[in-house]
């Protein structure tokens, strides 16, 4: 495996124009984060708090208006998403319906011109890891929601990113499957020792899988701490109220 990479945000801001008033507002304001290599960190908060915008800036789908993002010690603001050592698991899975499971997972490796036999080996290994061995030839529309989510996870993991990003990946699953999949994601993350940044508005999800929780409110970080710290020692009324 490659070296683990941390992520550092230094004074990151993102400014949007309000379509109604035409005024600028901060979606994310002067945010500093230091995410340790190999840790599982969750951005938690109500919708519109800036957590998804923060994640998308790390992935490169959005550009910060102020500040710099570092991956390991490399500044990455100028890099396009495919040039960053990150992989994203989306809420919508974003699988290719006309490809089978194998080709969906192999897609990123083919783009990177990885030799055929190595693709074969890496895809087989990663499908075993997400417990989908034997499903290689299935079309993704023949799979259950949980299986589709596993394919999306395998596709992100197979490129061996330094940092794995999750954008509310379980919100389309039913409650029982959500609990099962979050345990699964945590197991795989710990097994690979990969750095993971996970976005959710579900408190119990954040509490059950994270080493560290970053609670956001209106574009700023309200509190950073372990699930225990956040739960037992909320720093302000917003955090106390939101964690309930």
Protein backbone atom coordinates (compact mmCIF):
# COMPACT_ATOMS: atom_id res chain seq x y z
CA UNK A 1 0.00 0.00 0.00
CA UNK A 2 1.03 3.58 -0.56
CA UNK A 3 1.84 6.00 2.22
CA UNK A 4 -1.14 7.39 4.08
CA UNK A 5 -1.90 11.03 3.46
CA UNK A 6 -3.50 13.60 5.69
CA UNK A 7 -5.51 16.58 4.54
CA UNK A 8 -5.01 20.16 5.67
CA UNK A 9 -7.32 23.10 5.04
CA UNK A 10 -5.84 26.52 5.73
CA UNK A 11 -8.26 29.46 5.91
CA UNK A 12 -10.59 27.99 3.29
CA UNK A 13 -13.60 30.04 2.19
CA UNK A 14 -16.19 29.55 -0.53
CA UNK A 15 -18.41 32.43 -1.55
CA UNK A 16 -21.68 32.01 -3.45
CA UNK A 17 -24.17 34.52 -4.74
CA UNK A 18 -27.64 34.24 -3.26
CA UNK A 19 -29.93 33.84 -6.32
CA UNK A 20 -32.80 35.66 -4.56
CA UNK A 21 -31.00 38.70 -3.16
CA UNK A 22 -27.97 38.76 -5.48
CA UNK A 23 -25.78 39.23 -2.39
CA UNK A 24 -22.63 37.23 -1.78
CA UNK A 25 -22.60 34.86 1.18
CA UNK A 26 -20.06 32.47 2.64
CA UNK A 27 -20.97 28.80 2.13
CA UNK A 28 -17.74 28.00 3.99
CA UNK A 29 -15.92 30.66 5.97
CA UNK A 30 -12.26 30.74 7.04
CA UNK A 31 -12.12 27.03 7.84
CA UNK A 32 -8.99 25.36 9.19
CA UNK A 33 -8.86 21.57 9.44
CA UNK A 34 -6.05 19.14 10.03
CA UNK A 35 -7.04 15.57 9.22
CA UNK A 36 -4.52 12.98 10.35
CA UNK A 37 -3.32 10.28 7.92
CA UNK A 38 -5.30 7.05 8.32
CA UNK A 39 -8.09 8.61 10.37
CA UNK A 40 -11.83 8.46 9.75
CA UNK A 41 -13.25 11.97 10.03
CA UNK A 42 -16.89 12.94 9.60
CA UNK A 43 -18.25 16.35 8.63
CA UNK A 44 -21.61 16.57 10.38
CA UNK A 45 -24.28 19.23 10.29
CA UNK A 46 -27.69 20.26 8.97
CA UNK A 47 -28.16 20.83 5.25
CA UNK A 48 -26.65 24.08 4.06
CA UNK A 49 -23.98 24.07 6.77
CA UNK A 50 -21.09 23.84 4.28
CA UNK A 51 -20.06 20.22 4.81
CA UNK A 52 -20.67 19.04 1.23
CA UNK A 53 -19.06 22.18 -0.19
CA UNK A 54 -15.98 21.48 1.96
CA UNK A 55 -15.84 17.89 0.71
CA UNK A 56 -16.24 18.99 -2.92
CA UNK A 57 -13.38 21.47 -2.52
CA UNK A 58 -11.13 18.68 -1.25
CA UNK A 59 -12.19 16.54 -4.23
CA UNK A 60 -11.65 19.41 -6.68
CA UNK A 61 -15.24 19.75 -7.90
CA UNK A 62 -15.34 23.23 -6.36
CA UNK A 63 -12.51 25.75 -5.97
CA UNK A 64 -11.99 27.68 -2.76
CA UNK A 65 -12.18 31.48 -3.12
CA UNK A 66 -9.69 31.90 -0.27
CA UNK A 67 -7.13 29.65 1.38
CA UNK A 68 -5.18 26.56 0.38
CA UNK A 69 -5.86 22.82 0.58
CA UNK A 70 -2.98 20.38 1.12
CA UNK A 71 -2.96 16.65 0.51
CA UNK A 72 0.02 15.28 2.39
CA UNK A 73 2.33 18.27 2.00
CA UNK A 74 1.26 19.07 -1.55
CA UNK A 75 -0.91 22.13 -2.24
CA UNK A 76 -3.72 20.88 -4.49
CA UNK A 77 -5.92 23.93 -5.28
CA UNK A 78 -4.64 24.05 -8.85
CA UNK A 79 -5.11 20.32 -9.53
CA UNK A 80 -8.16 18.96 -11.36
CA UNK A 81 -10.10 16.16 -9.57
CA UNK A 82 -8.45 13.38 -11.61
CA UNK A 83 -4.98 14.68 -10.72
CA UNK A 84 -5.66 14.55 -6.97
CA UNK A 85 -4.88 11.47 -4.93
CA UNK A 86 -8.52 11.20 -3.83
CA UNK A 87 -11.56 9.12 -4.78
CA UNK A 88 -15.18 9.97 -4.09
CA UNK A 89 -18.14 7.74 -3.25
CA UNK A 90 -21.33 9.58 -4.21
CA UNK A 91 -24.81 9.54 -2.77
CA UNK A 92 -26.20 8.47 -6.15
CA UNK A 93 -23.54 5.73 -6.67
CA UNK A 94 -22.99 7.12 -10.21
CA UNK A 95 -22.47 3.64 -11.68
CA UNK A 96 -22.50 2.97 -15.43
CA UNK A 97 -25.70 1.00 -16.16
CA UNK A 98 -24.37 -0.36 -19.49
CA UNK A 99 -21.27 -1.87 -17.81
CA UNK A 100 -21.12 -4.98 -15.69
CA UNK A 101 -19.70 -4.96 -12.15
CA UNK A 102 -16.17 -5.81 -13.28
CA UNK A 103 -16.04 -3.01 -15.87
CA UNK A 104 -17.53 -0.48 -13.45
CA UNK A 105 -14.83 -1.23 -10.90
CA UNK A 106 -12.06 -1.40 -13.52
CA UNK A 107 -13.01 1.94 -15.09
CA UNK A 108 -10.55 4.14 -13.16
CA UNK A 109 -7.71 1.66 -13.71
CA UNK A 110 -8.32 1.61 -17.47
CA UNK A 111 -8.23 5.41 -17.54
CA UNK A 112 -4.87 5.21 -15.76
CA UNK A 113 -3.61 2.75 -18.40
CA UNK A 114 -2.93 0.00 -15.85
CA UNK A 115 -1.88 -3.29 -17.57
CA UNK A 116 -4.71 -5.78 -18.17
CA UNK A 117 -3.50 -8.56 -15.89
CA UNK A 118 -2.95 -6.12 -13.04
CA UNK A 119 -6.49 -4.75 -13.55
CA UNK A 120 -7.82 -8.31 -13.37
CA UNK A 121 -5.99 -8.97 -10.10
CA UNK A 122 -6.82 -5.65 -8.42
CA UNK A 123 -10.52 -5.79 -9.34
CA UNK A 124 -10.79 -9.39 -8.13
CA UNK A 125 -9.07 -8.52 -4.85
CA UNK A 126 -11.19 -5.46 -4.18
CA UNK A 127 -14.45 -7.27 -4.99
CA UNK A 128 -13.46 -9.90 -2.43
CA UNK A 129 -12.87 -7.12 0.09
CA UNK A 130 -16.39 -5.69 -0.39
CA UNK A 131 -17.83 -9.24 -0.48
CA UNK A 132 -18.99 -9.25 -4.11
CA UNK A 133 -16.84 -12.11 -5.44
CA UNK A 134 -18.58 -13.99 -8.24
CA UNK A 135 -20.69 -10.95 -9.22
CA UNK A 136 -18.23 -9.68 -11.87
CA UNK A 137 -20.52 -10.30 -14.85
CA UNK A 138 -23.72 -8.95 -13.31
CA UNK A 139 -25.10 -5.71 -14.71
CA UNK A 140 -25.39 -3.03 -12.05
CA UNK A 141 -29.13 -2.58 -12.59
CA UNK A 142 -29.61 -6.20 -11.51
CA UNK A 143 -28.12 -5.44 -8.09
CA UNK A 144 -29.77 -4.35 -4.86
CA UNK A 145 -29.08 -0.89 -3.43
CA UNK A 146 -26.62 -2.30 -0.92
CA UNK A 147 -24.76 -4.20 -3.64
CA UNK A 148 -24.64 -1.11 -5.85
CA UNK A 149 -23.15 0.84 -2.94
CA UNK A 150 -20.48 -1.87 -2.56
CA UNK A 151 -19.63 -1.59 -6.26
CA UNK A 152 -19.29 2.20 -5.88
CA UNK A 153 -17.03 1.64 -2.87
CA UNK A 154 -14.92 -0.93 -4.74
CA UNK A 155 -14.56 1.43 -7.70
CA UNK A 156 -13.21 4.18 -5.43
CA UNK A 157 -10.90 1.84 -3.49
CA UNK A 158 -9.40 0.04 -6.47
CA UNK A 159 -7.43 3.11 -7.60
CA UNK A 160 -5.75 3.08 -4.14
CA UNK A 161 -6.38 6.74 -3.35
CA UNK A 162 -4.52 8.49 -0.53
CA UNK A 163 -7.84 9.85 0.70
CA UNK A 164 -11.33 8.43 0.32
CA UNK A 165 -14.23 10.91 0.27
CA UNK A 166 -17.85 10.00 1.02
CA UNK A 167 -20.78 12.26 0.20
CA UNK A 168 -23.75 10.96 2.21
CA UNK A 169 -23.22 7.54 0.62
CA UNK A 170 -25.92 5.72 2.58
CA UNK A 171 -28.85 8.10 2.39
CA UNK A 172 -30.54 6.08 -0.38
CA UNK A 173 -30.56 2.86 1.64
CA UNK A 174 -33.14 1.67 4.16
CA UNK A 175 -32.32 1.98 7.86
CA UNK A 176 -31.23 -1.60 8.50
CA UNK A 177 -28.95 -1.69 5.46
CA UNK A 178 -27.51 1.72 6.39
CA UNK A 179 -26.30 0.40 9.73
CA UNK A 180 -24.84 -2.68 8.05
CA UNK A 181 -23.06 -0.67 5.34
CA UNK A 182 -21.59 1.91 7.69
CA UNK A 183 -20.05 -0.90 9.75
CA UNK A 184 -18.71 -2.33 6.50
CA UNK A 185 -17.21 1.00 5.39
CA UNK A 186 -15.51 1.40 8.77
CA UNK A 187 -14.16 -2.18 8.65
CA UNK A 188 -12.65 -1.68 5.20
CA UNK A 189 -11.22 1.74 6.10
CA UNK A 190 -9.50 0.31 9.18
CA UNK A 191 -8.26 -2.73 7.31
CA UNK A 192 -6.66 -0.60 4.58
CA UNK A 193 -5.64 2.16 7.01
CA UNK A 194 -6.86 4.72 4.48
CA UNK A 195 -7.73 8.33 5.35
CA UNK A 196 -11.50 8.83 5.04
CA UNK A 197 -13.59 12.00 5.08
CA UNK A 198 -17.29 11.33 5.38
CA UNK A 199 -20.20 13.76 5.05
CA UNK A 200 -23.54 13.11 6.75
CA UNK A 201 -26.37 14.88 8.57
CA UNK A 202 -27.11 11.70 10.52
CA UNK A 203 -25.75 12.05 14.07
CA UNK A 204 -25.82 8.35 14.93
CA UNK A 205 -23.96 7.52 11.73
CA UNK A 206 -21.25 10.08 12.54
CA UNK A 207 -20.98 8.88 16.15
CA UNK A 208 -20.69 5.20 15.26
CA UNK A 209 -17.95 5.30 12.63
CA UNK A 210 -15.69 8.28 13.25
CA UNK A 211 -12.38 8.81 15.00
CA UNK A 212 -13.16 12.50 14.86
CA UNK A 213 -16.34 14.47 14.20
CA UNK A 214 -16.33 17.99 12.77
CA UNK A 215 -19.66 19.69 13.48
CA UNK A 216 -20.42 22.51 11.04
CA UNK A 217 -22.99 25.26 11.22
CA UNK A 218 -23.60 28.03 8.65
CA UNK A 219 -20.24 27.57 6.95
CA UNK A 220 -18.07 27.51 10.05
CA UNK A 221 -16.72 24.73 12.26
CA UNK A 222 -18.73 24.67 15.48
CA UNK A 223 -16.68 21.94 17.18
CA UNK A 224 -14.09 19.26 16.47
CA UNK A 225 -13.65 16.25 18.74
CA UNK A 226 -14.07 12.54 19.25
CA UNK A 227 -17.66 11.25 19.23
CA UNK A 228 -17.47 11.03 23.04
CA UNK A 229 -16.26 14.63 23.42
CA UNK A 230 -18.90 15.98 21.09
CA UNK A 231 -21.62 14.02 22.84
CA UNK A 232 -20.65 14.67 26.45
CA UNK A 233 -18.95 18.06 26.15
CA UNK A 234 -20.66 20.11 23.45
CA UNK A 235 -18.93 23.48 23.14
CA UNK A 236 -22.04 25.53 22.44
CA UNK A 237 -25.80 25.45 22.25
CA UNK A 238 -25.89 24.63 18.55
CA UNK A 239 -23.79 21.47 18.98
CA UNK A 240 -25.72 20.38 22.07
CA UNK A 241 -28.99 20.91 20.26
CA UNK A 242 -27.91 19.22 17.04
CA UNK A 243 -26.42 16.16 18.73
CA UNK A 244 -29.47 16.06 20.98
